[in-house]
Protein backbone atom coordinates (compact mmCIF):
# COMPACT_ATOMS: atom_id res chain seq x y z
CA MET A 1 -2.26 -2.75 3.87
CA GLY A 2 -5.73 -1.72 5.00
CA CYS A 3 -6.53 1.09 7.42
CA SER A 4 -7.86 0.38 10.87
CA VAL A 5 -8.37 2.29 14.09
CA PHE A 6 -5.16 0.64 15.32
CA THR A 7 -2.92 1.85 12.51
CA GLN A 8 0.26 3.40 13.93
CA ILE A 9 1.23 6.60 12.14
CA GLU A 10 4.98 6.99 11.72
CA PHE A 11 6.83 9.89 10.12
CA PHE A 12 10.27 8.87 8.84
CA MET A 13 12.14 12.16 8.72
CA LYS A 14 14.70 12.97 6.03
CA THR A 15 18.30 13.59 7.04
CA THR A 16 18.45 16.93 5.21
CA LEU A 17 16.69 20.27 5.48
CA GLU A 18 15.56 22.27 2.45
CA ILE A 19 14.43 25.77 1.53
CA VAL A 20 10.79 25.87 0.47
CA GLY A 21 9.60 29.34 -0.48
CA ASN A 22 10.85 31.56 2.35
CA ASN A 23 10.97 28.73 4.90
CA ILE A 24 13.26 25.85 5.81
CA PHE A 25 11.45 22.51 6.00
CA TRP A 26 12.40 19.20 7.58
CA ARG A 27 10.32 16.85 5.44
CA SER A 28 9.12 13.34 6.03
CA PHE A 29 9.72 10.47 3.63
CA ASP A 30 6.73 8.49 2.50
CA MET A 31 5.46 6.77 5.58
CA SER A 32 4.59 3.14 6.08
CA SER A 33 1.03 4.18 6.87
CA LYS A 34 0.89 7.13 4.44
CA PHE A 35 -2.30 6.11 2.70
CA CYS A 36 -4.17 5.67 5.96
CA PHE A 37 -2.92 9.04 7.17
CA GLU A 38 -3.86 10.74 3.89
CA ASP A 39 -7.38 9.31 4.19
CA PHE A 40 -7.59 10.50 7.80
CA HIS A 41 -6.23 13.94 6.80
CA LYS A 42 -8.76 14.31 3.97
CA ASP A 43 -11.66 13.29 6.21
CA LEU A 44 -10.60 15.59 9.06
CA VAL A 45 -10.00 18.64 6.85
CA GLY A 46 -13.37 18.06 5.17
CA LYS A 47 -15.17 18.00 8.50
CA LEU A 48 -13.34 21.01 9.98
CA LYS A 49 -13.42 23.39 6.99
CA LYS A 50 -16.88 24.65 7.97
CA TYR A 51 -15.32 26.17 11.12
CA LYS A 52 -12.89 28.45 9.30
CA ASN A 53 -13.70 32.11 9.75
CA ALA A 54 -11.11 33.81 7.53
CA PRO A 55 -7.96 33.07 5.55
CA LEU A 56 -4.74 32.98 7.55
CA LEU A 57 -3.22 36.43 7.94
CA GLN A 58 -0.03 35.44 6.14
CA ILE A 59 -1.89 34.80 2.88
CA GLN A 60 -4.18 37.82 2.94
CA ASN A 61 -3.13 40.48 0.42
CA LYS A 62 -0.79 38.09 -1.42
CA ASN A 63 -0.88 37.60 -5.16
CA LEU A 64 -2.54 34.21 -5.48
CA THR A 65 -3.26 32.14 -8.55
CA LEU A 66 -6.90 31.46 -9.41
CA GLU A 67 -6.49 27.90 -8.08
CA GLN A 68 -5.02 29.18 -4.80
CA GLU A 69 -7.85 31.73 -4.46
CA LYS A 70 -10.40 28.93 -4.93
CA LEU A 71 -8.72 26.80 -2.25
CA VAL A 72 -8.46 29.75 0.17
CA LYS A 73 -12.16 30.45 -0.29
CA GLU A 74 -13.01 26.82 0.50
CA TYR A 75 -10.42 25.99 3.18
CA GLY A 76 -8.89 29.30 4.35
CA VAL A 77 -5.45 28.20 3.09
CA TYR A 78 -4.06 26.65 -0.10
CA TRP A 79 -1.68 24.13 1.51
CA GLY A 80 -2.17 21.31 4.00
CA ILE A 81 -5.45 20.34 2.39
CA PRO A 82 -6.54 17.20 0.55
CA GLY A 83 -4.38 16.77 -2.54
CA TYR A 84 -1.58 18.88 -1.07
CA PHE A 85 -0.30 16.42 1.52
CA ASP A 86 3.25 17.38 2.57
CA PRO A 87 4.11 16.29 6.11
CA HIS A 88 7.00 18.38 7.46
CA ILE A 89 8.27 20.46 10.35
CA THR A 90 8.95 24.10 9.52
CA VAL A 91 12.34 24.85 11.10
CA VAL A 92 12.68 28.50 10.00
CA TYR A 93 9.90 30.86 8.88
CA GLU A 94 10.01 33.78 6.48
CA LEU A 95 13.65 33.94 5.48
CA SER A 96 14.44 37.29 3.91
CA LEU A 97 17.45 36.50 1.76
CA THR A 98 19.06 37.93 -1.31
CA GLU A 99 19.51 35.37 -4.08
CA GLU A 100 23.23 35.17 -3.24
CA LYS A 101 22.56 34.44 0.44
CA ARG A 102 19.81 31.97 -0.47
CA GLU A 103 22.34 29.98 -2.52
CA LYS A 104 24.79 30.00 0.40
CA VAL A 105 22.07 28.72 2.74
CA LYS A 106 21.16 25.98 0.22
CA ARG A 107 24.81 24.86 0.06
CA PHE A 108 25.04 24.88 3.86
CA LEU A 109 21.86 22.83 4.21
CA LYS A 110 23.21 20.23 1.77
CA MET A 111 26.29 19.79 3.99
CA LEU A 112 24.26 19.71 7.21
CA GLU A 113 23.16 16.24 8.16
CA VAL A 114 20.31 15.61 10.58
CA LYS A 115 20.07 12.33 12.52
CA ASN A 116 17.56 9.73 11.37
CA TYR A 117 14.36 10.14 13.36
CA ILE A 118 11.04 8.37 13.33
CA LEU A 119 8.26 10.48 14.85
CA LYS A 120 5.31 8.58 16.29
CA PRO A 121 2.44 10.86 17.30
CA THR A 122 0.52 9.73 20.35
CA LYS A 123 -2.19 12.41 20.50
CA LEU A 124 -4.30 14.49 18.20
CA ILE A 125 -5.24 17.98 19.34
CA LEU A 126 -7.37 20.75 17.91
CA ALA A 127 -5.65 24.11 18.27
CA ARG A 128 -5.68 27.70 17.13
CA ILE A 129 -2.51 28.70 15.32
CA GLU A 130 -0.95 32.13 14.98
CA TYR A 131 0.51 33.98 11.99
CA TYR A 132 3.45 31.64 11.37
CA GLY A 133 1.51 28.46 12.11
CA ASN A 134 2.77 28.09 15.68
CA LEU A 135 0.43 26.75 18.33
CA GLU A 136 -1.40 29.61 20.02
CA GLU A 137 -4.06 27.81 22.02
CA VAL A 138 -5.25 24.23 22.49
CA LEU A 139 -9.02 24.21 22.04
């Protein structure tokens, strides 16, 4: 399937939530138009990276690998960039859990079932985000 300006982007959401780092993600399955969206994502990130002014606050003063440091220098972050495509909705940010509580949350999330959803974006916006990645201002 080739890409065109009329390609509909659809995110088929998984029916489970999962802990990723200190967050809970609701991830998307591979999408019918994934390759077109990945190409669009790569092109957009490449064009916008020159506008970054500093790394996100949440990754400053963290112990990063050399690869992560290189990506932060180039993009300001080390995720959500070309080669690290992971469409998801972050449901909970910065969980502070003991290992025992983390395991309980994992078991709970496995039992929790989310309805099947297909998300179909209708607009693209450029926005400033705050510390946790929430929308702060539409530019």
